[in-house]
C-alpha atoms as a PDB file:
ATOM      1  CA  MET A   1     -26.219   7.749  67.284  1.00  0.00           C
ATOM      2  CA  PRO A   2     -24.469   8.273  63.938  1.00  0.00           C
ATOM      3  CA  ASN A   3     -25.875   6.754  60.786  1.00  0.00           C
ATOM      4  CA  VAL A   4     -23.672   3.774  59.913  1.00  0.00           C
ATOM      5  CA  THR A   5     -24.785   3.604  56.301  1.00  0.00           C
ATOM      6  CA  GLU A   6     -23.411   7.069  55.561  1.00  0.00           C
ATOM      7  CA  ALA A   7     -19.886   6.016  56.604  1.00  0.00           C
ATOM      8  CA  ARG A   8     -19.628   3.143  54.160  1.00  0.00           C
ATOM      9  CA  PRO A   9     -17.091   3.662  51.316  1.00  0.00           C
ATOM     10  CA  ALA A  10     -18.386   4.049  47.800  1.00  0.00           C
ATOM     11  CA  PRO A  11     -18.332   0.859  45.739  1.00  0.00           C
ATOM     12  CA  LEU A  12     -15.361   0.451  43.407  1.00  0.00           C
ATOM     13  CA  HIS A  13     -17.548  -0.463  40.434  1.00  0.00           C
ATOM     14  CA  ARG A  14     -21.027   0.738  39.811  1.00  0.00           C
ATOM     15  CA  ALA A  15     -23.688  -1.652  38.730  1.00  0.00           C
ATOM     16  CA  GLY A  16     -23.528  -2.294  35.010  1.00  0.00           C
ATOM     17  CA  ALA A  17     -20.033  -0.812  34.686  1.00  0.00           C
ATOM     18  CA  GLY A  18     -18.588  -4.195  33.680  1.00  0.00           C
ATOM     19  CA  ARG A  19     -15.005  -5.353  34.005  1.00  0.00           C
ATOM     20  CA  PHE A  20     -13.429  -2.401  32.154  1.00  0.00           C
ATOM     21  CA  THR A  21     -13.527   1.311  32.688  1.00  0.00           C
ATOM     22  CA  ARG A  22     -14.973   3.669  30.140  1.00  0.00           C
ATOM     23  CA  GLN A  23     -11.504   4.604  28.833  1.00  0.00           C
ATOM     24  CA  GLU A  24     -10.518   0.964  28.465  1.00  0.00           C
ATOM     25  CA  ARG A  25     -13.696   0.127  26.567  1.00  0.00           C
ATOM     26  CA  LEU A  26     -13.075   3.114  24.274  1.00  0.00           C
ATOM     27  CA  ALA A  27      -9.499   1.979  23.640  1.00  0.00           C
ATOM     28  CA  TYR A  28     -10.587  -1.560  22.792  1.00  0.00           C
ATOM     29  CA  THR A  29     -13.340  -0.239  20.539  1.00  0.00           C
ATOM     30  CA  MET A  30     -10.795   1.828  18.613  1.00  0.00           C
ATOM     31  CA  LEU A  31      -8.462  -1.171  18.300  1.00  0.00           C
ATOM     32  CA  VAL A  32     -11.106  -3.493  16.865  1.00  0.00           C
ATOM     33  CA  PRO A  33     -10.951  -2.083  13.277  1.00  0.00           C
ATOM     34  CA  ILE A  34      -7.140  -2.159  13.320  1.00  0.00           C
ATOM     35  CA  LEU A  35      -6.893  -5.701  14.669  1.00  0.00           C
ATOM     36  CA  GLY A  36      -9.649  -6.803  12.308  1.00  0.00           C
ATOM     37  CA  SER A  37      -7.771  -5.355   9.338  1.00  0.00           C
ATOM     38  CA  ILE A  38      -4.567  -7.090  10.420  1.00  0.00           C
ATOM     39  CA  PHE A  39      -6.449 -10.365  10.730  1.00  0.00           C
ATOM     40  CA  LEU A  40      -7.967 -10.050   7.260  1.00  0.00           C
ATOM     41  CA  ILE A  41      -4.773  -8.877   5.558  1.00  0.00           C
ATOM     42  CA  VAL A  42      -2.145 -10.985   7.355  1.00  0.00           C
ATOM     43  CA  THR A  43      -3.479 -13.730   9.587  1.00  0.00           C
ATOM     44  CA  TYR A  44      -6.264 -15.080   7.379  1.00  0.00           C
ATOM     45  CA  PRO A  45      -4.079 -15.475   4.219  1.00  0.00           C
ATOM     46  CA  PHE A  46      -1.328 -17.050   6.314  1.00  0.00           C
ATOM     47  CA  VAL A  47      -3.744 -19.599   7.768  1.00  0.00           C
ATOM     48  CA  LEU A  48      -5.019 -20.386   4.268  1.00  0.00           C
ATOM     49  CA  ALA A  49      -1.420 -20.824   3.053  1.00  0.00           C
ATOM     50  CA  VAL A  50      -0.668 -23.223   5.900  1.00  0.00           C
ATOM     51  CA  ILE A  51      -3.814 -25.240   5.140  1.00  0.00           C
ATOM     52  CA  GLN A  52      -2.994 -25.333   1.418  1.00  0.00           C
ATOM     53  CA  SER A  53       0.590 -26.389   2.150  1.00  0.00           C
ATOM     54  CA  LEU A  54      -0.736 -29.480   3.926  1.00  0.00           C
ATOM     55  CA  GLN A  55      -2.949 -30.535   1.035  1.00  0.00           C
ATOM     56  CA  ALA A  56      -2.254 -32.156  -2.302  1.00  0.00           C
ATOM     57  CA  THR A  57      -2.439 -29.966  -5.367  1.00  0.00           C
ATOM     58  CA  ASN A  58      -4.852 -32.333  -7.110  1.00  0.00           C
ATOM     59  CA  GLY A  59      -7.905 -33.108  -5.041  1.00  0.00           C
ATOM     60  CA  GLY A  60      -6.939 -31.302  -1.852  1.00  0.00           C
ATOM     61  CA  ALA A  61      -6.241 -34.494   0.122  1.00  0.00           C
ATOM     62  CA  PHE A  62      -4.252 -34.139   3.319  1.00  0.00           C
ATOM     63  CA  VAL A  63      -0.577 -34.974   2.683  1.00  0.00           C
ATOM     64  CA  GLY A  64       1.037 -33.650   5.845  1.00  0.00           C
ATOM     65  CA  LEU A  65       4.528 -32.257   5.361  1.00  0.00           C
ATOM     66  CA  GLN A  66       5.054 -33.844   1.941  1.00  0.00           C
ATOM     67  CA  ASN A  67       4.890 -30.480   0.146  1.00  0.00           C
ATOM     68  CA  TYR A  68       7.556 -29.085   2.465  1.00  0.00           C
ATOM     69  CA  VAL A  69       9.818 -32.087   1.845  1.00  0.00           C
ATOM     70  CA  THR A  70       9.337 -31.894  -1.921  1.00  0.00           C
ATOM     71  CA  GLY A  71       9.965 -28.163  -2.009  1.00  0.00           C
ATOM     72  CA  LEU A  72      13.092 -28.306   0.139  1.00  0.00           C
ATOM     73  CA  GLU A  73      14.544 -31.207  -1.868  1.00  0.00           C
ATOM     74  CA  ASN A  74      14.330 -29.341  -5.182  1.00  0.00           C
ATOM     75  CA  PRO A  75      17.820 -28.117  -6.204  1.00  0.00           C
ATOM     76  CA  LEU A  76      16.268 -25.227  -8.118  1.00  0.00           C
ATOM     77  CA  LEU A  77      15.195 -23.749  -4.775  1.00  0.00           C
ATOM     78  CA  TYR A  78      18.785 -23.471  -3.631  1.00  0.00           C
ATOM     79  CA  GLU A  79      19.845 -21.956  -6.946  1.00  0.00           C
ATOM     80  CA  ALA A  80      17.151 -19.312  -6.399  1.00  0.00           C
ATOM     81  CA  LEU A  81      18.339 -18.760  -2.829  1.00  0.00           C
ATOM     82  CA  ALA A  82      21.932 -18.364  -4.044  1.00  0.00           C
ATOM     83  CA  ALA A  83      20.843 -15.844  -6.687  1.00  0.00           C
ATOM     84  CA  THR A  84      18.827 -13.968  -4.050  1.00  0.00           C
ATOM     85  CA  ALA A  85      21.845 -13.913  -1.730  1.00  0.00           C
ATOM     86  CA  VAL A  86      24.036 -12.463  -4.492  1.00  0.00           C
ATOM     87  CA  TYR A  87      21.375  -9.897  -5.284  1.00  0.00           C
ATOM     88  CA  ALA A  88      21.093  -8.910  -1.607  1.00  0.00           C
ATOM     89  CA  ALA A  89      24.890  -8.698  -1.264  1.00  0.00           C
ATOM     90  CA  LEU A  90      24.982  -6.261  -4.186  1.00  0.00           C
ATOM     91  CA  VAL A  91      21.935  -4.205  -3.275  1.00  0.00           C
ATOM     92  CA  LEU A  92      21.774  -3.789   0.494  1.00  0.00           C
ATOM     93  CA  PRO A  93      25.312  -2.518   1.279  1.00  0.00           C
ATOM     94  CA  THR A  94      25.285  -0.241  -1.761  1.00  0.00           C
ATOM     95  CA  GLU A  95      21.950   1.339  -0.911  1.00  0.00           C
ATOM     96  CA  ILE A  96      22.762   1.782   2.784  1.00  0.00           C
ATOM     97  CA  LEU A  97      26.212   3.279   2.174  1.00  0.00           C
ATOM     98  CA  LEU A  98      25.041   5.573  -0.626  1.00  0.00           C
ATOM     99  CA  GLY A  99      21.940   6.650   1.280  1.00  0.00           C
ATOM    100  CA  LEU A 100      23.894   7.234   4.468  1.00  0.00           C
ATOM    101  CA  GLY A 101      26.612   9.187   2.665  1.00  0.00           C
ATOM    102  CA  LEU A 102      24.071  11.341   0.845  1.00  0.00           C
ATOM    103  CA  ALA A 103      22.095  12.002   4.033  1.00  0.00           C
ATOM    104  CA  LEU A 104      25.264  12.967   5.893  1.00  0.00           C
ATOM    105  CA  ALA A 105      26.444  15.226   3.062  1.00  0.00           C
ATOM    106  CA  VAL A 106      23.113  17.055   2.814  1.00  0.00           C
ATOM    107  CA  HIS A 107      22.772  17.343   6.587  1.00  0.00           C
ATOM    108  CA  ARG A 108      26.205  18.869   7.084  1.00  0.00           C
ATOM    109  CA  GLY A 109      26.861  20.590   3.790  1.00  0.00           C
ATOM    110  CA  ILE A 110      23.501  22.098   2.794  1.00  0.00           C
ATOM    111  CA  LYS A 111      21.846  24.513   5.188  1.00  0.00           C
ATOM    112  CA  SER A 112      19.437  26.114   2.732  1.00  0.00           C
ATOM    113  CA  THR A 113      15.867  24.994   3.329  1.00  0.00           C
ATOM    114  CA  ALA A 114      15.039  25.405  -0.355  1.00  0.00           C
ATOM    115  CA  LEU A 115      17.890  23.145  -1.478  1.00  0.00           C
ATOM    116  CA  ARG A 116      16.965  20.548   1.119  1.00  0.00           C
ATOM    117  CA  ALA A 117      13.390  20.617  -0.135  1.00  0.00           C
ATOM    118  CA  LEU A 118      14.705  20.177  -3.681  1.00  0.00           C
ATOM    119  CA  PHE A 119      16.684  17.097  -2.663  1.00  0.00           C
ATOM    120  CA  PHE A 120      13.601  15.791  -0.868  1.00  0.00           C
ATOM    121  CA  GLY A 121      11.469  16.175  -3.983  1.00  0.00           C
ATOM    122  CA  MET A 122      14.099  14.536  -6.182  1.00  0.00           C
ATOM    123  CA  ALA A 123      14.321  11.595  -3.776  1.00  0.00           C
ATOM    124  CA  ILE A 124      10.571  11.076  -3.844  1.00  0.00           C
ATOM    125  CA  VAL A 125      10.421  10.658  -7.635  1.00  0.00           C
ATOM    126  CA  PRO A 126      12.027   7.163  -7.913  1.00  0.00           C
ATOM    127  CA  LEU A 127       9.860   5.867  -5.071  1.00  0.00           C
ATOM    128  CA  VAL A 128       6.546   6.739  -6.718  1.00  0.00           C
ATOM    129  CA  ILE A 129       7.383   5.277 -10.135  1.00  0.00           C
ATOM    130  CA  PRO A 130       5.859   1.786 -10.540  1.00  0.00           C
ATOM    131  CA  PRO A 131       8.500  -0.971 -10.651  1.00  0.00           C
ATOM    132  CA  ILE A 132       7.047  -2.186 -13.951  1.00  0.00           C
ATOM    133  CA  ALA A 133       7.734   1.213 -15.538  1.00  0.00           C
ATOM    134  CA  VAL A 134      11.224   1.265 -14.033  1.00  0.00           C
ATOM    135  CA  GLY A 135      11.901  -2.170 -15.519  1.00  0.00           C
ATOM    136  CA  VAL A 136      10.711  -1.117 -18.977  1.00  0.00           C
ATOM    137  CA  ILE A 137      12.869   2.029 -18.932  1.00  0.00           C
ATOM    138  CA  ALA A 138      15.899   0.073 -17.696  1.00  0.00           C
ATOM    139  CA  ARG A 139      15.405  -2.543 -20.406  1.00  0.00           C
ATOM    140  CA  LEU A 140      15.496   0.173 -23.039  1.00  0.00           C
ATOM    141  CA  MET A 141      18.672   1.611 -21.501  1.00  0.00           C
ATOM    142  CA  TYR A 142      20.440  -1.773 -21.330  1.00  0.00           C
ATOM    143  CA  ALA A 143      19.396  -2.892 -24.831  1.00  0.00           C
ATOM    144  CA  PRO A 144      22.518  -4.018 -26.759  1.00  0.00           C
ATOM    145  CA  SER A 145      21.797  -2.341 -30.095  1.00  0.00           C
ATOM    146  CA  TYR A 146      19.992   0.907 -29.280  1.00  0.00           C
ATOM    147  CA  GLY A 147      20.400   1.244 -25.529  1.00  0.00           C
ATOM    148  CA  ALA A 148      21.604   4.525 -24.063  1.00  0.00           C
ATOM    149  CA  ILE A 149      24.255   2.919 -21.849  1.00  0.00           C
ATOM    150  CA  ASN A 150      26.072   1.192 -24.722  1.00  0.00           C
ATOM    151  CA  HIS A 151      25.796   4.352 -26.792  1.00  0.00           C
ATOM    152  CA  ILE A 152      27.401   6.472 -24.060  1.00  0.00           C
ATOM    153  CA  LEU A 153      30.167   3.939 -23.429  1.00  0.00           C
ATOM    154  CA  MET A 154      31.043   3.712 -27.126  1.00  0.00           C
ATOM    155  CA  LEU A 155      30.756   7.464 -27.608  1.00  0.00           C
ATOM    156  CA  THR A 156      33.248   8.134 -24.806  1.00  0.00           C
ATOM    157  CA  GLY A 157      35.609   5.412 -26.016  1.00  0.00           C
ATOM    158  CA  ILE A 158      35.312   3.252 -22.895  1.00  0.00           C
ATOM    159  CA  THR A 159      34.195   0.279 -24.998  1.00  0.00           C
ATOM    160  CA  HIS A 160      34.310  -0.377 -28.720  1.00  0.00           C
ATOM    161  CA  ASP A 161      31.805  -3.237 -28.875  1.00  0.00           C
ATOM    162  CA  GLU A 162      28.243  -3.467 -27.717  1.00  0.00           C
ATOM    163  CA  ILE A 163      27.730  -5.222 -24.380  1.00  0.00           C
ATOM    164  CA  ASN A 164      24.814  -7.595 -23.985  1.00  0.00           C
ATOM    165  CA  TRP A 165      24.138  -6.525 -20.410  1.00  0.00           C
ATOM    166  CA  LEU A 166      21.066  -8.668 -19.831  1.00  0.00           C
ATOM    167  CA  GLY A 167      22.103 -11.670 -21.937  1.00  0.00           C
ATOM    168  CA  GLN A 168      25.279 -12.842 -20.208  1.00  0.00           C
ATOM    169  CA  PRO A 169      25.546 -14.089 -16.597  1.00  0.00           C
ATOM    170  CA  ILE A 170      28.475 -11.912 -15.573  1.00  0.00           C
ATOM    171  CA  THR A 171      26.608  -8.649 -16.266  1.00  0.00           C
ATOM    172  CA  ALA A 172      22.946  -9.634 -15.880  1.00  0.00           C
ATOM    173  CA  MET A 173      22.907  -9.644 -12.074  1.00  0.00           C
ATOM    174  CA  PRO A 174      24.744  -6.287 -11.659  1.00  0.00           C
ATOM    175  CA  ALA A 175      22.438  -4.735 -14.262  1.00  0.00           C
ATOM    176  CA  VAL A 176      19.317  -5.970 -12.456  1.00  0.00           C
ATOM    177  CA  ALA A 177      20.724  -4.873  -9.084  1.00  0.00           C
ATOM    178  CA  SER A 178      21.541  -1.389 -10.382  1.00  0.00           C
ATOM    179  CA  VAL A 179      17.852  -0.770 -11.047  1.00  0.00           C
ATOM    180  CA  ASP A 180      17.017  -1.621  -7.435  1.00  0.00           C
ATOM    181  CA  VAL A 181      19.816   0.639  -6.196  1.00  0.00           C
ATOM    182  CA  TRP A 182      18.536   3.543  -8.279  1.00  0.00           C
ATOM    183  CA  GLN A 183      14.977   3.197  -7.053  1.00  0.00           C
ATOM    184  CA  TRP A 184      15.520   2.495  -3.341  1.00  0.00           C
ATOM    185  CA  THR A 185      18.643   4.418  -2.356  1.00  0.00           C
ATOM    186  CA  PRO A 186      16.460   7.564  -2.036  1.00  0.00           C
ATOM    187  CA  PHE A 187      14.328   5.706   0.522  1.00  0.00           C
ATOM    188  CA  VAL A 188      17.414   5.069   2.656  1.00  0.00           C
ATOM    189  CA  TYR A 189      18.450   8.699   2.246  1.00  0.00           C
ATOM    190  CA  LEU A 190      15.050  10.045   3.362  1.00  0.00           C
ATOM    191  CA  VAL A 191      14.885   7.811   6.437  1.00  0.00           C
ATOM    192  CA  LEU A 192      18.447   8.507   7.580  1.00  0.00           C
ATOM    193  CA  PHE A 193      18.222  12.226   6.880  1.00  0.00           C
ATOM    194  CA  SER A 194      15.210  12.410   9.172  1.00  0.00           C
ATOM    195  CA  GLY A 195      17.305  10.506  11.712  1.00  0.00           C
ATOM    196  CA  PHE A 196      20.070  13.105  11.559  1.00  0.00           C
ATOM    197  CA  LEU A 197      17.523  15.784  12.389  1.00  0.00           C
ATOM    198  CA  THR A 198      16.658  13.994  15.656  1.00  0.00           C
ATOM    199  CA  VAL A 199      20.230  14.067  16.996  1.00  0.00           C
ATOM    200  CA  PRO A 200      20.358  16.468  19.981  1.00  0.00           C
ATOM    201  CA  ARG A 201      22.178  19.613  18.966  1.00  0.00           C
ATOM    202  CA  ASP A 202      23.682  20.119  22.415  1.00  0.00           C
ATOM    203  CA  GLU A 203      25.609  16.831  22.195  1.00  0.00           C
ATOM    204  CA  ILE A 204      27.102  17.821  18.840  1.00  0.00           C
ATOM    205  CA  GLU A 205      28.069  21.265  20.138  1.00  0.00           C
ATOM    206  CA  ALA A 206      29.649  19.749  23.249  1.00  0.00           C
ATOM    207  CA  ALA A 207      31.676  17.372  21.071  1.00  0.00           C
ATOM    208  CA  GLN A 208      32.808  20.263  18.882  1.00  0.00           C
ATOM    209  CA  VAL A 209      33.906  22.238  21.955  1.00  0.00           C
ATOM    210  CA  ASP A 210      35.937  19.214  23.059  1.00  0.00           C
ATOM    211  CA  GLY A 211      37.651  19.180  19.660  1.00  0.00           C
ATOM    212  CA  ALA A 212      36.013  16.063  18.234  1.00  0.00           C
ATOM    213  CA  SER A 213      36.443  15.570  14.508  1.00  0.00           C
ATOM    214  CA  GLY A 214      33.544  15.188  12.108  1.00  0.00           C
ATOM    215  CA  TRP A 215      34.167  11.446  11.872  1.00  0.00           C
ATOM    216  CA  SER A 216      34.238  11.125  15.667  1.00  0.00           C
ATOM    217  CA  GLN A 217      30.946  13.020  15.947  1.00  0.00           C
ATOM    218  CA  PHE A 218      29.355  10.686  13.453  1.00  0.00           C
ATOM    219  CA  TRP A 219      30.752   7.456  14.891  1.00  0.00           C
ATOM    220  CA  ARG A 220      30.189   8.194  18.587  1.00  0.00           C
ATOM    221  CA  ILE A 221      27.051  10.347  18.592  1.00  0.00           C
ATOM    222  CA  GLU A 222      25.059  10.397  15.361  1.00  0.00           C
ATOM    223  CA  LEU A 223      25.384   6.686  14.582  1.00  0.00           C
ATOM    224  CA  TYR A 224      23.948   5.854  18.006  1.00  0.00           C
ATOM    225  CA  TYR A 225      20.729   7.694  17.194  1.00  0.00           C
ATOM    226  CA  LEU A 226      20.617   6.162  13.701  1.00  0.00           C
ATOM    227  CA  ARG A 227      20.800   2.536  14.872  1.00  0.00           C
ATOM    228  CA  PRO A 228      17.034   2.014  15.250  1.00  0.00           C
ATOM    229  CA  LEU A 229      16.522   3.422  11.764  1.00  0.00           C
ATOM    230  CA  LEU A 230      19.284   1.201  10.381  1.00  0.00           C
ATOM    231  CA  ILE A 231      17.515  -1.828  11.832  1.00  0.00           C
ATOM    232  CA  LEU A 232      14.291  -0.656  10.206  1.00  0.00           C
ATOM    233  CA  ILE A 233      16.004  -0.117   6.849  1.00  0.00           C
ATOM    234  CA  VAL A 234      17.820  -3.464   6.873  1.00  0.00           C
ATOM    235  CA  PHE A 235      14.667  -5.356   7.764  1.00  0.00           C
ATOM    236  CA  PHE A 236      12.401  -3.643   5.241  1.00  0.00           C
ATOM    237  CA  ARG A 237      14.907  -3.769   2.425  1.00  0.00           C
ATOM    238  CA  LEU A 238      15.726  -7.411   3.134  1.00  0.00           C
ATOM    239  CA  ALA A 239      12.006  -8.213   3.063  1.00  0.00           C
ATOM    240  CA  ASP A 240      11.760  -6.322  -0.247  1.00  0.00           C
ATOM    241  CA  VAL A 241      14.684  -8.296  -1.680  1.00  0.00           C
ATOM    242  CA  LEU A 242      12.940 -11.560  -0.847  1.00  0.00           C
ATOM    243  CA  ARG A 243       9.818 -10.461  -2.718  1.00  0.00           C
ATOM    244  CA  VAL A 244      11.319  -8.388  -5.548  1.00  0.00           C
ATOM    245  CA  PHE A 245       9.726  -9.431  -8.815  1.00  0.00           C
ATOM    246  CA  ASP A 246       8.556  -6.731 -11.224  1.00  0.00           C
ATOM    247  CA  HIS A 247      11.668  -5.229 -12.735  1.00  0.00           C
ATOM    248  CA  VAL A 248      13.584  -8.533 -12.689  1.00  0.00           C
ATOM    249  CA  PHE A 249      10.770 -10.226 -14.599  1.00  0.00           C
ATOM    250  CA  ILE A 250      10.732  -7.396 -17.147  1.00  0.00           C
ATOM    251  CA  LEU A 251      14.512  -7.238 -17.578  1.00  0.00           C
ATOM    252  CA  THR A 252      15.604 -10.875 -17.688  1.00  0.00           C
ATOM    253  CA  GLY A 253      12.687 -13.131 -16.713  1.00  0.00           C
ATOM    254  CA  GLY A 254      15.129 -14.935 -14.440  1.00  0.00           C
ATOM    255  CA  GLY A 255      17.752 -15.539 -17.141  1.00  0.00           C
ATOM    256  CA  PRO A 256      20.142 -16.035 -18.663  1.00  0.00           C
ATOM    257  CA  GLY A 257      19.645 -19.585 -17.474  1.00  0.00           C
ATOM    258  CA  ASN A 258      18.810 -19.255 -13.777  1.00  0.00           C
ATOM    259  CA  THR A 259      21.301 -16.471 -13.078  1.00  0.00           C
ATOM    260  CA  THR A 260      18.716 -13.899 -11.996  1.00  0.00           C
ATOM    261  CA  GLN A 261      15.930 -16.285 -10.979  1.00  0.00           C
ATOM    262  CA  LEU A 262      15.379 -14.881  -7.511  1.00  0.00           C
ATOM    263  CA  LEU A 263      13.231 -16.547  -4.887  1.00  0.00           C
ATOM    264  CA  SER A 264      10.107 -14.614  -5.856  1.00  0.00           C
ATOM    265  CA  LEU A 265      10.441 -15.622  -9.517  1.00  0.00           C
ATOM    266  CA  TYR A 266      10.991 -19.233  -8.509  1.00  0.00           C
ATOM    267  CA  LEU A 267       7.827 -19.236  -6.383  1.00  0.00           C
ATOM    268  CA  TYR A 268       5.948 -17.626  -9.269  1.00  0.00           C
ATOM    269  CA  ARG A 269       6.991 -20.398 -11.626  1.00  0.00           C
ATOM    270  CA  VAL A 270       6.127 -23.141  -9.129  1.00  0.00           C
ATOM    271  CA  GLU A 271       2.684 -21.617  -8.541  1.00  0.00           C
ATOM    272  CA  PHE A 272       1.628 -20.497 -12.023  1.00  0.00           C
ATOM    273  CA  LYS A 273       3.856 -22.259 -14.547  1.00  0.00           C
ATOM    274  CA  PHE A 274       3.957 -25.717 -12.955  1.00  0.00           C
ATOM    275  CA  SER A 275       0.622 -25.287 -11.060  1.00  0.00           C
ATOM    276  CA  ASP A 276       2.024 -26.885  -7.908  1.00  0.00           C
ATOM    277  CA  TYR A 277      -0.053 -24.902  -5.438  1.00  0.00           C
ATOM    278  CA  GLY A 278       0.767 -27.047  -2.415  1.00  0.00           C
ATOM    279  CA  GLN A 279       4.527 -26.740  -2.849  1.00  0.00           C
ATOM    280  CA  ALA A 280       4.284 -22.997  -3.514  1.00  0.00           C
ATOM    281  CA  ALA A 281       2.251 -22.496  -0.340  1.00  0.00           C
ATOM    282  CA  ALA A 282       4.729 -24.563   1.669  1.00  0.00           C
ATOM    283  CA  LEU A 283       7.663 -22.519   0.398  1.00  0.00           C
ATOM    284  CA  ALA A 284       5.778 -19.284   1.119  1.00  0.00           C
ATOM    285  CA  VAL A 285       5.278 -20.391   4.738  1.00  0.00           C
ATOM    286  CA  VAL A 286       8.972 -21.243   5.022  1.00  0.00           C
ATOM    287  CA  VAL A 287       9.928 -17.826   3.631  1.00  0.00           C
ATOM    288  CA  LEU A 288       7.691 -16.057   6.145  1.00  0.00           C
ATOM    289  CA  ILE A 289       9.256 -17.963   9.031  1.00  0.00           C
ATOM    290  CA  ALA A 290      12.727 -17.215   7.653  1.00  0.00           C
ATOM    291  CA  ILE A 291      11.965 -13.481   7.521  1.00  0.00           C
ATOM    292  CA  SER A 292      10.902 -13.572  11.167  1.00  0.00           C
ATOM    293  CA  VAL A 293      14.140 -15.318  12.112  1.00  0.00           C
ATOM    294  CA  VAL A 294      16.206 -12.848  10.096  1.00  0.00           C
ATOM    295  CA  TYR A 295      14.497  -9.945  11.837  1.00  0.00           C
ATOM    296  CA  SER A 296      15.406 -11.414  15.214  1.00  0.00           C
ATOM    297  CA  LEU A 297      19.024 -11.790  14.115  1.00  0.00           C
ATOM    298  CA  VAL A 298      19.176  -8.237  12.765  1.00  0.00           C
ATOM    299  CA  THR A 299      17.940  -6.792  16.058  1.00  0.00           C
ATOM    300  CA  ARG A 300      20.778  -8.619  17.816  1.00  0.00           C
ATOM    301  CA  VAL A 301      23.506  -7.648  15.354  1.00  0.00           C
ATOM    302  CA  LEU A 302      22.642  -3.950  15.693  1.00  0.00           C
ATOM    303  CA  PRO A 303      22.154  -3.389  19.442  1.00  0.00           C
ATOM    304  CA  LEU A 304      20.417  -0.207  20.487  1.00  0.00           C
ATOM    305  CA  GLU A 305      22.366   0.512  23.641  1.00  0.00           C
ATOM    306  CA  ARG A 306      25.274   2.931  23.624  1.00  0.00           C
ATOM    307  CA  ARG A 307      28.691   1.325  23.951  1.00  0.00           C
END
């Protein structure tokens, strides 16, 4: 008679194995430091900001949504939002178009590895310079009496009088935006140039055999592969615009008047100049929610599927 116990199937889980396999436990163990870091860096400060936004500045008593109401009723907030919108309208399209054009020109026109490496090194330089240093250098260049820009313009005969670039509203915002364009256009170039390198060569060669023009190759093939990177660039640069502070503070301090008082400078003044910690925390929470909404809208405006 055969032994029945030998025909039994092996148990699915050994004693003491727990709910997860060894690989799953290893994966979760490796994720713990990452998730813990995210919690400490992002989640914990956000929770503290939410708690502070619900408390009074003096005494810490619970006031509910009063800080949100007070912050949203302040007309200076909407002046800061308008200035930020103007700044973004000047900076984002300029950086994306210049970076895209430069990446396309280098990708198609320069085949030498040494020259490409040179362009790469030159693009890295503005990114590693601290924004404070960039602001100081730009302030010296835009100075009305001894600045290099006025000197060049008067030397070439373009203007005959000194221009107070940072002291009048009509030129202060373009001057501040030009510093951002100089520093961050190389970032757009580096990201998009790497995107051009990922375009399958066989698709480009097939389009060339079919007689497609350079513009048609870019619009129908290369742009499709660049769309995810464009979404990344728009989101990161828009987030940077909402928190830009250093060089604007150095150049104009938000002036003249409130012309260049961007949202970050306004929050700085509410928090440190007027010591209204509850209102500043409430506005910070609103900004974070707004960034999340903007990201969702950007991902819908730039679809990833091929049309």
